[in-house]
C-alpha cells in the first residue's frame, strides 16, 4: 500500500484525556482523568477508506473529532501531508479545514433550521472564499446538489421539509463543496432506515471514486463497515486493538474482542446463522476513568493471563493486519 499510494494522515500516539471533577466538599481535590482516547497510531492513504468500529463509549467519535481539531488532543501527533495539526493555532487549523471536512451522525440536528438548503451548502464557500460572486456560489451549490442526488429546484427549501436521508445528502453536499481531500464520517447512517443507509453508503463510494476522496468511516454496523472500508480499525476503551484489511479482518479476526464483534454479525444464510457460535463477552465495559491496568480488555477476555495485567500490548504487525494482544502471535 505504501508504494502505491501517497500518505495523507499519520497519527502517532494520539491521546484525548478529559478532567472530570470529583464530587467532593474539598475544592483542592484533584479531578479524575477520563481517557477517551489513549494512544492510537494509524496511517491513512490517498483514496483509502478507513472504517472505525467498537462499542459505544470506546472513543471512536472523540478520535475523529481530535483528528479534525474539534476536540483538543492531550498528547500525540496528527500529521496531515507532513504538517502536524496539533501544533497549529486557530488560524492555521481553520485553513486546513478546507482539506478535511466532517459529516455528522444526526442529519437534521447538524443543519441550521433557519437557513435554506442553498444557504447551508454555500456556507463553507462564503466562509473561505468571500470574494466569490453570488451567482457563481449559487451555480456551485446547484452542481453539488445534483452530485448528491438532490434536485436544484429545492434550493430555497428548509431542512424540516426533507426526510432524514435527504438531510444527510445536504450534509454531504456541504462537506464536499470545498472539494476536500478527507471526509470524516461520524456514524452518518446510524439514524437512517436500512434501505436509506445503503443509498447513502453507495453515494459516498461513488463520490469517493469521482472526487478522489479519502474517508474515515465510523459506524456500529459491521456490515456497513465491511461494505465500504479498505481497512478497519477496531477500538476498545480508547485503545486500538486490531487493524486489518477489510476482507482479511472479517474472514479471520485475531483479537478476542474483534472475534466477539464479528460473531454478532448476522449471516444471510439461515443454516449458517443457526450453526454459528456467538462469543459473548463477560461483564460490563469498564469505566474510562478507571481502566484496567495492562491490557484494557483483560477483564472481559477468556484468554487473559497474569502478564496481561502487567504490560499494555502495542498494535504490532504493520498496516496489513496488526493486533494488540500479548497472546496472539
C-alpha atoms as a PDB file:
ATOM      1  CA  UNK A   1       0.000   0.000   0.000  1.00  0.00           C
ATOM      2  CA  UNK A   2       2.796   2.428   0.896  1.00  0.00           C
ATOM      3  CA  UNK A   3       4.400   2.011  -2.548  1.00  0.00           C
ATOM      4  CA  UNK A   4       1.168   2.585  -4.450  1.00  0.00           C
ATOM      5  CA  UNK A   5      -0.495   5.444  -2.584  1.00  0.00           C
ATOM      6  CA  UNK A   6       0.568   8.698  -1.002  1.00  0.00           C
ATOM      7  CA  UNK A   7       0.420   9.017   2.763  1.00  0.00           C
ATOM      8  CA  UNK A   8      -2.138  11.658   3.786  1.00  0.00           C
ATOM      9  CA  UNK A   9      -2.537  11.248   7.525  1.00  0.00           C
ATOM     10  CA  UNK A  10      -0.071   9.870  10.055  1.00  0.00           C
ATOM     11  CA  UNK A  11      -1.430   9.686  13.606  1.00  0.00           C
ATOM     12  CA  UNK A  12       1.060   8.829  16.327  1.00  0.00           C
ATOM     13  CA  UNK A  13       0.176   8.033  19.960  1.00  0.00           C
ATOM     14  CA  UNK A  14      -2.947  10.211  19.898  1.00  0.00           C
ATOM     15  CA  UNK A  15      -4.426  10.789  23.350  1.00  0.00           C
ATOM     16  CA  UNK A  16      -7.507  12.723  24.431  1.00  0.00           C
ATOM     17  CA  UNK A  17      -7.992  12.930  28.194  1.00  0.00           C
ATOM     18  CA  UNK A  18     -10.651  14.965  29.983  1.00  0.00           C
ATOM     19  CA  UNK A  19     -10.540  16.250  33.563  1.00  0.00           C
ATOM     20  CA  UNK A  20     -13.689  15.174  35.447  1.00  0.00           C
ATOM     21  CA  UNK A  21     -14.332  16.980  38.730  1.00  0.00           C
ATOM     22  CA  UNK A  22     -14.931  14.713  41.714  1.00  0.00           C
ATOM     23  CA  UNK A  23     -17.956  15.153  43.940  1.00  0.00           C
ATOM     24  CA  UNK A  24     -16.103  16.351  46.991  1.00  0.00           C
ATOM     25  CA  UNK A  25     -16.511  19.030  49.601  1.00  0.00           C
ATOM     26  CA  UNK A  26     -12.849  19.987  49.220  1.00  0.00           C
ATOM     27  CA  UNK A  27     -12.102  22.443  46.394  1.00  0.00           C
ATOM     28  CA  UNK A  28      -8.473  21.259  46.138  1.00  0.00           C
ATOM     29  CA  UNK A  29      -9.459  17.680  45.275  1.00  0.00           C
ATOM     30  CA  UNK A  30      -7.762  16.738  42.025  1.00  0.00           C
ATOM     31  CA  UNK A  31     -10.005  15.862  39.058  1.00  0.00           C
ATOM     32  CA  UNK A  32     -10.079  12.345  37.635  1.00  0.00           C
ATOM     33  CA  UNK A  33      -8.666  11.706  34.165  1.00  0.00           C
ATOM     34  CA  UNK A  34     -11.147  10.258  31.687  1.00  0.00           C
ATOM     35  CA  UNK A  35      -9.077   8.558  28.985  1.00  0.00           C
ATOM     36  CA  UNK A  36     -11.380   8.797  25.960  1.00  0.00           C
ATOM     37  CA  UNK A  37      -8.547   8.052  23.512  1.00  0.00           C
ATOM     38  CA  UNK A  38      -5.392   6.573  24.988  1.00  0.00           C
ATOM     39  CA  UNK A  39      -2.635   6.201  22.423  1.00  0.00           C
ATOM     40  CA  UNK A  40      -3.841   5.426  18.884  1.00  0.00           C
ATOM     41  CA  UNK A  41      -1.429   5.007  15.946  1.00  0.00           C
ATOM     42  CA  UNK A  42      -2.818   4.871  12.413  1.00  0.00           C
ATOM     43  CA  UNK A  43      -1.914   5.915   8.882  1.00  0.00           C
ATOM     44  CA  UNK A  44      -4.348   6.852   6.129  1.00  0.00           C
ATOM     45  CA  UNK A  45      -3.520   6.828   2.427  1.00  0.00           C
ATOM     46  CA  UNK A  46      -4.821   8.722  -0.587  1.00  0.00           C
ATOM     47  CA  UNK A  47      -8.155   7.359  -1.846  1.00  0.00           C
ATOM     48  CA  UNK A  48      -8.491   4.922   1.086  1.00  0.00           C
ATOM     49  CA  UNK A  49     -11.474   4.309   3.361  1.00  0.00           C
ATOM     50  CA  UNK A  50     -10.633   3.502   6.975  1.00  0.00           C
ATOM     51  CA  UNK A  51     -13.521   2.022   8.938  1.00  0.00           C
ATOM     52  CA  UNK A  52     -13.564   2.540  12.723  1.00  0.00           C
ATOM     53  CA  UNK A  53     -15.694   0.207  14.859  1.00  0.00           C
ATOM     54  CA  UNK A  54     -16.261  -0.586  18.520  1.00  0.00           C
ATOM     55  CA  UNK A  55     -18.829  -0.445  21.308  1.00  0.00           C
ATOM     56  CA  UNK A  56     -20.489   2.797  22.378  1.00  0.00           C
ATOM     57  CA  UNK A  57     -18.056   4.694  24.577  1.00  0.00           C
ATOM     58  CA  UNK A  58     -14.930   3.190  23.011  1.00  0.00           C
ATOM     59  CA  UNK A  59     -13.682   6.587  21.783  1.00  0.00           C
ATOM     60  CA  UNK A  60     -14.497   6.419  18.053  1.00  0.00           C
ATOM     61  CA  UNK A  61     -16.140   9.841  17.758  1.00  0.00           C
ATOM     62  CA  UNK A  62     -13.635  11.519  20.098  1.00  0.00           C
ATOM     63  CA  UNK A  63     -10.820  10.091  17.967  1.00  0.00           C
ATOM     64  CA  UNK A  64     -12.411  11.532  14.811  1.00  0.00           C
ATOM     65  CA  UNK A  65     -13.040  14.942  16.374  1.00  0.00           C
ATOM     66  CA  UNK A  66      -9.449  15.101  17.631  1.00  0.00           C
ATOM     67  CA  UNK A  67      -8.196  14.498  14.071  1.00  0.00           C
ATOM     68  CA  UNK A  68     -10.124  17.481  12.724  1.00  0.00           C
ATOM     69  CA  UNK A  69      -9.411  19.652  15.774  1.00  0.00           C
ATOM     70  CA  UNK A  70     -12.947  19.853  17.181  1.00  0.00           C
ATOM     71  CA  UNK A  71     -11.524  18.263  20.356  1.00  0.00           C
ATOM     72  CA  UNK A  72      -8.060  19.224  21.569  1.00  0.00           C
ATOM     73  CA  UNK A  73      -5.541  16.389  21.681  1.00  0.00           C
ATOM     74  CA  UNK A  74      -3.879  15.881  25.074  1.00  0.00           C
ATOM     75  CA  UNK A  75      -0.802  14.280  23.531  1.00  0.00           C
ATOM     76  CA  UNK A  76       0.460  12.762  20.304  1.00  0.00           C
ATOM     77  CA  UNK A  77       0.732  13.955  16.728  1.00  0.00           C
ATOM     78  CA  UNK A  78      -1.751  14.277  13.862  1.00  0.00           C
ATOM     79  CA  UNK A  79       0.443  14.772  10.796  1.00  0.00           C
ATOM     80  CA  UNK A  80      -1.509  15.856   7.694  1.00  0.00           C
ATOM     81  CA  UNK A  81       0.546  15.927   4.472  1.00  0.00           C
ATOM     82  CA  UNK A  82       3.719  16.370   6.509  1.00  0.00           C
ATOM     83  CA  UNK A  83       2.360  19.065   8.856  1.00  0.00           C
ATOM     84  CA  UNK A  84       1.427  18.385  12.488  1.00  0.00           C
ATOM     85  CA  UNK A  85      -2.103  19.716  13.026  1.00  0.00           C
ATOM     86  CA  UNK A  86      -1.736  19.634  16.816  1.00  0.00           C
ATOM     87  CA  UNK A  87       0.930  22.359  16.571  1.00  0.00           C
ATOM     88  CA  UNK A  88      -1.197  24.764  14.524  1.00  0.00           C
ATOM     89  CA  UNK A  89      -3.005  27.712  16.034  1.00  0.00           C
ATOM     90  CA  UNK A  90      -6.631  28.581  15.389  1.00  0.00           C
ATOM     91  CA  UNK A  91      -5.899  30.389  12.110  1.00  0.00           C
ATOM     92  CA  UNK A  92      -3.703  27.583  10.777  1.00  0.00           C
ATOM     93  CA  UNK A  93      -6.236  24.917  11.672  1.00  0.00           C
ATOM     94  CA  UNK A  94      -9.013  26.928  10.055  1.00  0.00           C
ATOM     95  CA  UNK A  95      -7.153  26.827   6.731  1.00  0.00           C
ATOM     96  CA  UNK A  96      -6.681  23.055   6.971  1.00  0.00           C
ATOM     97  CA  UNK A  97     -10.445  22.587   7.342  1.00  0.00           C
ATOM     98  CA  UNK A  98     -10.738  23.310   3.627  1.00  0.00           C
ATOM     99  CA  UNK A  99      -8.973  19.969   3.126  1.00  0.00           C
ATOM    100  CA  UNK A 100     -10.666  17.987   5.941  1.00  0.00           C
ATOM    101  CA  UNK A 101     -14.437  18.068   6.397  1.00  0.00           C
ATOM    102  CA  UNK A 102     -16.924  16.140   8.526  1.00  0.00           C
ATOM    103  CA  UNK A 103     -20.347  14.521   8.120  1.00  0.00           C
ATOM    104  CA  UNK A 104     -22.270  14.201  11.400  1.00  0.00           C
ATOM    105  CA  UNK A 105     -24.467  11.470  12.867  1.00  0.00           C
ATOM    106  CA  UNK A 106     -27.816  13.261  13.171  1.00  0.00           C
ATOM    107  CA  UNK A 107     -28.616  14.723   9.743  1.00  0.00           C
ATOM    108  CA  UNK A 108     -31.358  17.115  10.876  1.00  0.00           C
ATOM    109  CA  UNK A 109     -29.626  18.328  14.046  1.00  0.00           C
ATOM    110  CA  UNK A 110     -26.480  19.206  12.083  1.00  0.00           C
ATOM    111  CA  UNK A 111     -28.390  21.629   9.813  1.00  0.00           C
ATOM    112  CA  UNK A 112     -29.432  25.152  10.805  1.00  0.00           C
ATOM    113  CA  UNK A 113     -33.274  25.177  10.675  1.00  0.00           C
ATOM    114  CA  UNK A 114     -33.293  28.921   9.921  1.00  0.00           C
ATOM    115  CA  UNK A 115     -31.225  28.540   6.745  1.00  0.00           C
ATOM    116  CA  UNK A 116     -32.352  27.295   3.347  1.00  0.00           C
ATOM    117  CA  UNK A 117     -30.669  24.325   1.690  1.00  0.00           C
ATOM    118  CA  UNK A 118     -28.802  26.658  -0.637  1.00  0.00           C
ATOM    119  CA  UNK A 119     -27.526  28.781   2.256  1.00  0.00           C
ATOM    120  CA  UNK A 120     -26.418  25.702   4.224  1.00  0.00           C
ATOM    121  CA  UNK A 121     -24.422  24.210   1.358  1.00  0.00           C
ATOM    122  CA  UNK A 122     -22.981  27.608   0.393  1.00  0.00           C
ATOM    123  CA  UNK A 123     -21.871  28.482   3.937  1.00  0.00           C
ATOM    124  CA  UNK A 124     -18.338  26.955   3.632  1.00  0.00           C
ATOM    125  CA  UNK A 125     -17.796  28.734   0.314  1.00  0.00           C
ATOM    126  CA  UNK A 126     -18.793  32.076   1.812  1.00  0.00           C
ATOM    127  CA  UNK A 127     -16.573  31.483   4.847  1.00  0.00           C
ATOM    128  CA  UNK A 128     -13.435  30.592   2.894  1.00  0.00           C
ATOM    129  CA  UNK A 129     -13.995  32.424  -0.395  1.00  0.00           C
ATOM    130  CA  UNK A 130     -15.977  35.584   0.441  1.00  0.00           C
ATOM    131  CA  UNK A 131     -14.822  37.206  -2.815  1.00  0.00           C
ATOM    132  CA  UNK A 132     -16.807  34.751  -4.977  1.00  0.00           C
ATOM    133  CA  UNK A 133     -19.760  36.365  -6.814  1.00  0.00           C
ATOM    134  CA  UNK A 134     -23.189  35.298  -5.531  1.00  0.00           C
ATOM    135  CA  UNK A 135     -24.144  33.827  -8.897  1.00  0.00           C
ATOM    136  CA  UNK A 136     -21.047  31.636  -9.011  1.00  0.00           C
ATOM    137  CA  UNK A 137     -21.693  30.430  -5.459  1.00  0.00           C
ATOM    138  CA  UNK A 138     -25.270  29.552  -6.421  1.00  0.00           C
ATOM    139  CA  UNK A 139     -24.081  27.676  -9.503  1.00  0.00           C
ATOM    140  CA  UNK A 140     -21.550  25.618  -7.498  1.00  0.00           C
ATOM    141  CA  UNK A 141     -24.244  24.785  -4.940  1.00  0.00           C
ATOM    142  CA  UNK A 142     -26.601  23.540  -7.675  1.00  0.00           C
ATOM    143  CA  UNK A 143     -23.844  21.384  -9.206  1.00  0.00           C
ATOM    144  CA  UNK A 144     -23.093  19.837  -5.808  1.00  0.00           C
ATOM    145  CA  UNK A 145     -26.788  19.234  -5.098  1.00  0.00           C
ATOM    146  CA  UNK A 146     -27.042  17.310  -8.361  1.00  0.00           C
ATOM    147  CA  UNK A 147     -23.968  15.233  -7.425  1.00  0.00           C
ATOM    148  CA  UNK A 148     -25.548  14.094  -4.161  1.00  0.00           C
ATOM    149  CA  UNK A 149     -28.949  13.336  -5.695  1.00  0.00           C
ATOM    150  CA  UNK A 150     -30.905  16.476  -4.798  1.00  0.00           C
ATOM    151  CA  UNK A 151     -32.919  18.458  -7.337  1.00  0.00           C
ATOM    152  CA  UNK A 152     -31.580  22.018  -7.712  1.00  0.00           C
ATOM    153  CA  UNK A 153     -35.146  23.392  -7.670  1.00  0.00           C
ATOM    154  CA  UNK A 154     -35.383  22.686  -3.903  1.00  0.00           C
ATOM    155  CA  UNK A 155     -32.528  25.114  -3.180  1.00  0.00           C
ATOM    156  CA  UNK A 156     -34.828  27.543  -1.310  1.00  0.00           C
ATOM    157  CA  UNK A 157     -36.496  24.978   0.954  1.00  0.00           C
ATOM    158  CA  UNK A 158     -35.703  24.458   4.647  1.00  0.00           C
ATOM    159  CA  UNK A 159     -34.318  21.314   6.366  1.00  0.00           C
ATOM    160  CA  UNK A 160     -37.632  20.388   8.053  1.00  0.00           C
ATOM    161  CA  UNK A 161     -39.164  19.868   4.597  1.00  0.00           C
ATOM    162  CA  UNK A 162     -36.827  16.929   3.864  1.00  0.00           C
ATOM    163  CA  UNK A 163     -36.561  13.323   5.006  1.00  0.00           C
ATOM    164  CA  UNK A 164     -33.635  12.065   7.095  1.00  0.00           C
ATOM    165  CA  UNK A 165     -31.879  10.623   4.059  1.00  0.00           C
ATOM    166  CA  UNK A 166     -32.288  13.869   2.127  1.00  0.00           C
ATOM    167  CA  UNK A 167     -30.979  15.877   5.089  1.00  0.00           C
ATOM    168  CA  UNK A 168     -27.890  13.675   5.165  1.00  0.00           C
ATOM    169  CA  UNK A 169     -27.384  14.334   1.446  1.00  0.00           C
ATOM    170  CA  UNK A 170     -27.486  18.050   2.263  1.00  0.00           C
ATOM    171  CA  UNK A 171     -24.827  17.467   4.921  1.00  0.00           C
ATOM    172  CA  UNK A 172     -22.691  15.553   2.419  1.00  0.00           C
ATOM    173  CA  UNK A 173     -23.051  18.352  -0.135  1.00  0.00           C
ATOM    174  CA  UNK A 174     -21.978  20.911   2.488  1.00  0.00           C
ATOM    175  CA  UNK A 175     -18.907  18.823   3.349  1.00  0.00           C
ATOM    176  CA  UNK A 176     -17.904  18.378  -0.304  1.00  0.00           C
ATOM    177  CA  UNK A 177     -18.492  21.918  -1.597  1.00  0.00           C
ATOM    178  CA  UNK A 178     -14.871  22.903  -0.769  1.00  0.00           C
ATOM    179  CA  UNK A 179     -13.522  19.808  -2.593  1.00  0.00           C
ATOM    180  CA  UNK A 180     -11.624  18.429   0.435  1.00  0.00           C
ATOM    181  CA  UNK A 181      -9.155  15.541   0.394  1.00  0.00           C
ATOM    182  CA  UNK A 182     -10.541  13.805   3.515  1.00  0.00           C
ATOM    183  CA  UNK A 183     -14.082  13.354   4.802  1.00  0.00           C
ATOM    184  CA  UNK A 184     -14.630  12.122   8.368  1.00  0.00           C
ATOM    185  CA  UNK A 185     -17.992  10.339   8.557  1.00  0.00           C
ATOM    186  CA  UNK A 186     -19.144  10.126  12.182  1.00  0.00           C
ATOM    187  CA  UNK A 187     -21.812   7.393  12.075  1.00  0.00           C
ATOM    188  CA  UNK A 188     -23.511   9.051   9.071  1.00  0.00           C
ATOM    189  CA  UNK A 189     -26.101   6.290   8.540  1.00  0.00           C
ATOM    190  CA  UNK A 190     -26.969   5.163  12.089  1.00  0.00           C
ATOM    191  CA  UNK A 191     -30.070   7.417  12.263  1.00  0.00           C
ATOM    192  CA  UNK A 192     -31.409   6.264   8.879  1.00  0.00           C
ATOM    193  CA  UNK A 193     -33.599   3.369   7.728  1.00  0.00           C
ATOM    194  CA  UNK A 194     -31.765   0.326   6.353  1.00  0.00           C
ATOM    195  CA  UNK A 195     -32.738   0.983   2.724  1.00  0.00           C
ATOM    196  CA  UNK A 196     -31.662   4.627   3.018  1.00  0.00           C
ATOM    197  CA  UNK A 197     -28.401   3.546   4.668  1.00  0.00           C
ATOM    198  CA  UNK A 198     -27.486   1.573   1.565  1.00  0.00           C
ATOM    199  CA  UNK A 199     -28.250   4.550  -0.675  1.00  0.00           C
ATOM    200  CA  UNK A 200     -26.066   6.907   1.375  1.00  0.00           C
ATOM    201  CA  UNK A 201     -23.176   4.426   1.570  1.00  0.00           C
ATOM    202  CA  UNK A 202     -23.301   3.812  -2.180  1.00  0.00           C
ATOM    203  CA  UNK A 203     -23.419   7.580  -2.751  1.00  0.00           C
ATOM    204  CA  UNK A 204     -20.298   8.058  -0.622  1.00  0.00           C
ATOM    205  CA  UNK A 205     -18.472   5.309  -2.531  1.00  0.00           C
ATOM    206  CA  UNK A 206     -19.446   6.870  -5.858  1.00  0.00           C
ATOM    207  CA  UNK A 207     -18.359  10.363  -4.774  1.00  0.00           C
ATOM    208  CA  UNK A 208     -15.116   8.982  -3.378  1.00  0.00           C
ATOM    209  CA  UNK A 209     -14.242   7.458  -6.748  1.00  0.00           C
ATOM    210  CA  UNK A 210     -15.299  10.558  -8.675  1.00  0.00           C
ATOM    211  CA  UNK A 211     -13.547  13.129  -6.461  1.00  0.00           C
ATOM    212  CA  UNK A 212     -10.567  11.085  -5.233  1.00  0.00           C
ATOM    213  CA  UNK A 213     -11.588  11.322  -1.583  1.00  0.00           C
ATOM    214  CA  UNK A 214     -10.202   9.548   1.452  1.00  0.00           C
ATOM    215  CA  UNK A 215     -12.715   8.579   4.151  1.00  0.00           C
ATOM    216  CA  UNK A 216     -12.645   7.806   7.859  1.00  0.00           C
ATOM    217  CA  UNK A 217     -15.953   5.985   8.321  1.00  0.00           C
ATOM    218  CA  UNK A 218     -17.222   5.426  11.878  1.00  0.00           C
ATOM    219  CA  UNK A 219     -20.132   3.034  12.421  1.00  0.00           C
ATOM    220  CA  UNK A 220     -21.648   0.456  14.748  1.00  0.00           C
ATOM    221  CA  UNK A 221     -22.993  -1.670  11.890  1.00  0.00           C
ATOM    222  CA  UNK A 222     -20.176  -4.010  10.901  1.00  0.00           C
ATOM    223  CA  UNK A 223     -21.951  -4.992   7.680  1.00  0.00           C
ATOM    224  CA  UNK A 224     -21.867  -1.364   6.521  1.00  0.00           C
ATOM    225  CA  UNK A 225     -18.212  -1.019   7.527  1.00  0.00           C
ATOM    226  CA  UNK A 226     -17.306  -4.187   5.626  1.00  0.00           C
ATOM    227  CA  UNK A 227     -19.057  -2.895   2.500  1.00  0.00           C
ATOM    228  CA  UNK A 228     -17.297   0.476   2.365  1.00  0.00           C
ATOM    229  CA  UNK A 229     -13.900   0.047   4.061  1.00  0.00           C
ATOM    230  CA  UNK A 230     -10.481  -0.831   2.657  1.00  0.00           C
ATOM    231  CA  UNK A 231      -9.081  -1.257   6.168  1.00  0.00           C
ATOM    232  CA  UNK A 232     -10.813  -1.458   9.556  1.00  0.00           C
ATOM    233  CA  UNK A 233      -9.623  -0.165  12.924  1.00  0.00           C
ATOM    234  CA  UNK A 234     -11.182  -1.832  15.980  1.00  0.00           C
ATOM    235  CA  UNK A 235     -11.219   0.278  19.153  1.00  0.00           C
ATOM    236  CA  UNK A 236     -11.909  -0.709  22.750  1.00  0.00           C
ATOM    237  CA  UNK A 237     -11.920   1.689  25.693  1.00  0.00           C
ATOM    238  CA  UNK A 238      -9.911   4.338  23.848  1.00  0.00           C
ATOM    239  CA  UNK A 239      -7.328   1.893  22.509  1.00  0.00           C
ATOM    240  CA  UNK A 240      -6.703   0.409  19.067  1.00  0.00           C
ATOM    241  CA  UNK A 241      -6.854  -3.380  19.477  1.00  0.00           C
ATOM    242  CA  UNK A 242      -6.789  -4.553  15.854  1.00  0.00           C
ATOM    243  CA  UNK A 243      -6.207  -3.127  12.391  1.00  0.00           C
ATOM    244  CA  UNK A 244      -6.590  -5.044   9.154  1.00  0.00           C
ATOM    245  CA  UNK A 245      -7.666  -5.008   5.545  1.00  0.00           C
ATOM    246  CA  UNK A 246     -11.447  -5.359   5.410  1.00  0.00           C
ATOM    247  CA  UNK A 247     -11.836  -8.819   3.895  1.00  0.00           C
ATOM    248  CA  UNK A 248      -8.952 -10.347   5.870  1.00  0.00           C
ATOM    249  CA  UNK A 249     -10.149  -8.894   9.173  1.00  0.00           C
ATOM    250  CA  UNK A 250     -13.716 -10.113   8.724  1.00  0.00           C
ATOM    251  CA  UNK A 251     -12.582 -13.531   7.476  1.00  0.00           C
ATOM    252  CA  UNK A 252     -10.005 -14.150  10.200  1.00  0.00           C
ATOM    253  CA  UNK A 253     -10.121 -11.766  13.188  1.00  0.00           C
ATOM    254  CA  UNK A 254      -7.276 -12.299  15.654  1.00  0.00           C
ATOM    255  CA  UNK A 255      -8.067 -10.230  18.749  1.00  0.00           C
ATOM    256  CA  UNK A 256     -10.611 -11.807  21.159  1.00  0.00           C
ATOM    257  CA  UNK A 257     -12.651  -8.579  21.166  1.00  0.00           C
ATOM    258  CA  UNK A 258     -12.799  -8.454  17.368  1.00  0.00           C
ATOM    259  CA  UNK A 259     -13.879 -12.107  17.289  1.00  0.00           C
ATOM    260  CA  UNK A 260     -16.746 -11.303  19.649  1.00  0.00           C
ATOM    261  CA  UNK A 261     -17.846  -8.371  17.477  1.00  0.00           C
ATOM    262  CA  UNK A 262     -17.699 -10.422  14.273  1.00  0.00           C
ATOM    263  CA  UNK A 263     -19.640 -13.311  15.784  1.00  0.00           C
ATOM    264  CA  UNK A 264     -22.572 -10.954  16.393  1.00  0.00           C
ATOM    265  CA  UNK A 265     -22.887 -10.020  12.702  1.00  0.00           C
ATOM    266  CA  UNK A 266     -25.942 -11.805  11.171  1.00  0.00           C
ATOM    267  CA  UNK A 267     -25.285 -14.225   8.288  1.00  0.00           C
ATOM    268  CA  UNK A 268     -27.818 -14.098   5.407  1.00  0.00           C
ATOM    269  CA  UNK A 269     -27.819 -17.907   5.107  1.00  0.00           C
ATOM    270  CA  UNK A 270     -30.320 -19.294   7.714  1.00  0.00           C
ATOM    271  CA  UNK A 271     -28.498 -22.627   8.020  1.00  0.00           C
ATOM    272  CA  UNK A 272     -25.125 -20.982   8.685  1.00  0.00           C
ATOM    273  CA  UNK A 273     -26.736 -18.474  11.055  1.00  0.00           C
ATOM    274  CA  UNK A 274     -28.177 -21.307  13.197  1.00  0.00           C
ATOM    275  CA  UNK A 275     -24.860 -23.178  13.282  1.00  0.00           C
ATOM    276  CA  UNK A 276     -22.577 -20.275  14.163  1.00  0.00           C
ATOM    277  CA  UNK A 277     -21.270 -19.725  17.685  1.00  0.00           C
ATOM    278  CA  UNK A 278     -21.768 -16.302  19.232  1.00  0.00           C
ATOM    279  CA  UNK A 279     -18.891 -15.337  21.533  1.00  0.00           C
ATOM    280  CA  UNK A 280     -20.453 -13.411  24.393  1.00  0.00           C
ATOM    281  CA  UNK A 281     -18.302 -11.012  26.396  1.00  0.00           C
ATOM    282  CA  UNK A 282     -18.173 -11.329  30.177  1.00  0.00           C
ATOM    283  CA  UNK A 283     -19.015  -8.391  32.403  1.00  0.00           C
ATOM    284  CA  UNK A 284     -19.579  -4.747  31.579  1.00  0.00           C
ATOM    285  CA  UNK A 285     -17.418  -2.227  29.778  1.00  0.00           C
ATOM    286  CA  UNK A 286     -15.014  -0.739  32.376  1.00  0.00           C
ATOM    287  CA  UNK A 287     -15.075   2.969  33.086  1.00  0.00           C
ATOM    288  CA  UNK A 288     -12.591   5.047  31.042  1.00  0.00           C
ATOM    289  CA  UNK A 289     -11.970   6.962  34.295  1.00  0.00           C
ATOM    290  CA  UNK A 290     -10.599   3.789  35.883  1.00  0.00           C
ATOM    291  CA  UNK A 291      -9.403   1.468  33.090  1.00  0.00           C
ATOM    292  CA  UNK A 292      -7.787  -1.877  33.914  1.00  0.00           C
ATOM    293  CA  UNK A 293      -4.007  -1.997  34.157  1.00  0.00           C
ATOM    294  CA  UNK A 294      -2.077  -3.539  31.288  1.00  0.00           C
ATOM    295  CA  UNK A 295      -4.436  -4.734  28.564  1.00  0.00           C
ATOM    296  CA  UNK A 296      -7.707  -2.813  28.903  1.00  0.00           C
ATOM    297  CA  UNK A 297      -9.672  -5.796  27.545  1.00  0.00           C
ATOM    298  CA  UNK A 298      -8.321  -8.349  30.031  1.00  0.00           C
ATOM    299  CA  UNK A 299     -11.266  -8.100  32.471  1.00  0.00           C
ATOM    300  CA  UNK A 300     -13.614  -9.453  29.764  1.00  0.00           C
ATOM    301  CA  UNK A 301     -11.174 -11.728  27.924  1.00  0.00           C
ATOM    302  CA  UNK A 302     -11.349 -15.518  28.225  1.00  0.00           C
ATOM    303  CA  UNK A 303      -7.669 -15.801  27.171  1.00  0.00           C
ATOM    304  CA  UNK A 304      -6.266 -13.330  29.733  1.00  0.00           C
ATOM    305  CA  UNK A 305      -3.155 -14.355  31.704  1.00  0.00           C
ATOM    306  CA  UNK A 306      -1.282 -12.785  34.610  1.00  0.00           C
ATOM    307  CA  UNK A 307       1.049 -10.939  32.220  1.00  0.00           C
ATOM    308  CA  UNK A 308      -1.935  -9.157  30.644  1.00  0.00           C
ATOM    309  CA  UNK A 309      -2.340  -7.116  33.846  1.00  0.00           C
ATOM    310  CA  UNK A 310       1.283  -6.001  33.834  1.00  0.00           C
ATOM    311  CA  UNK A 311       2.008  -4.878  30.275  1.00  0.00           C
ATOM    312  CA  UNK A 312      -0.064  -2.843  27.830  1.00  0.00           C
ATOM    313  CA  UNK A 313       0.087  -4.527  24.397  1.00  0.00           C
ATOM    314  CA  UNK A 314       1.012  -2.402  21.373  1.00  0.00           C
ATOM    315  CA  UNK A 315      -0.504  -2.676  17.902  1.00  0.00           C
ATOM    316  CA  UNK A 316       2.034  -4.875  16.092  1.00  0.00           C
ATOM    317  CA  UNK A 317       2.043  -6.193  12.530  1.00  0.00           C
ATOM    318  CA  UNK A 318       2.024  -3.184  10.173  1.00  0.00           C
ATOM    319  CA  UNK A 319      -0.755  -1.727   8.032  1.00  0.00           C
ATOM    320  CA  UNK A 320      -2.000  -5.010   6.504  1.00  0.00           C
ATOM    321  CA  UNK A 321      -3.018  -6.778   9.733  1.00  0.00           C
ATOM    322  CA  UNK A 322      -1.931  -5.678  13.202  1.00  0.00           C
ATOM    323  CA  UNK A 323      -3.187  -6.781  16.599  1.00  0.00           C
ATOM    324  CA  UNK A 324      -2.621  -5.555  20.165  1.00  0.00           C
ATOM    325  CA  UNK A 325      -2.623  -8.759  22.204  1.00  0.00           C
ATOM    326  CA  UNK A 326       0.120 -10.490  24.195  1.00  0.00           C
ATOM    327  CA  UNK A 327      -1.381 -13.930  23.476  1.00  0.00           C
ATOM    328  CA  UNK A 328      -1.704 -13.569  19.695  1.00  0.00           C
ATOM    329  CA  UNK A 329       1.386 -14.124  17.564  1.00  0.00           C
END
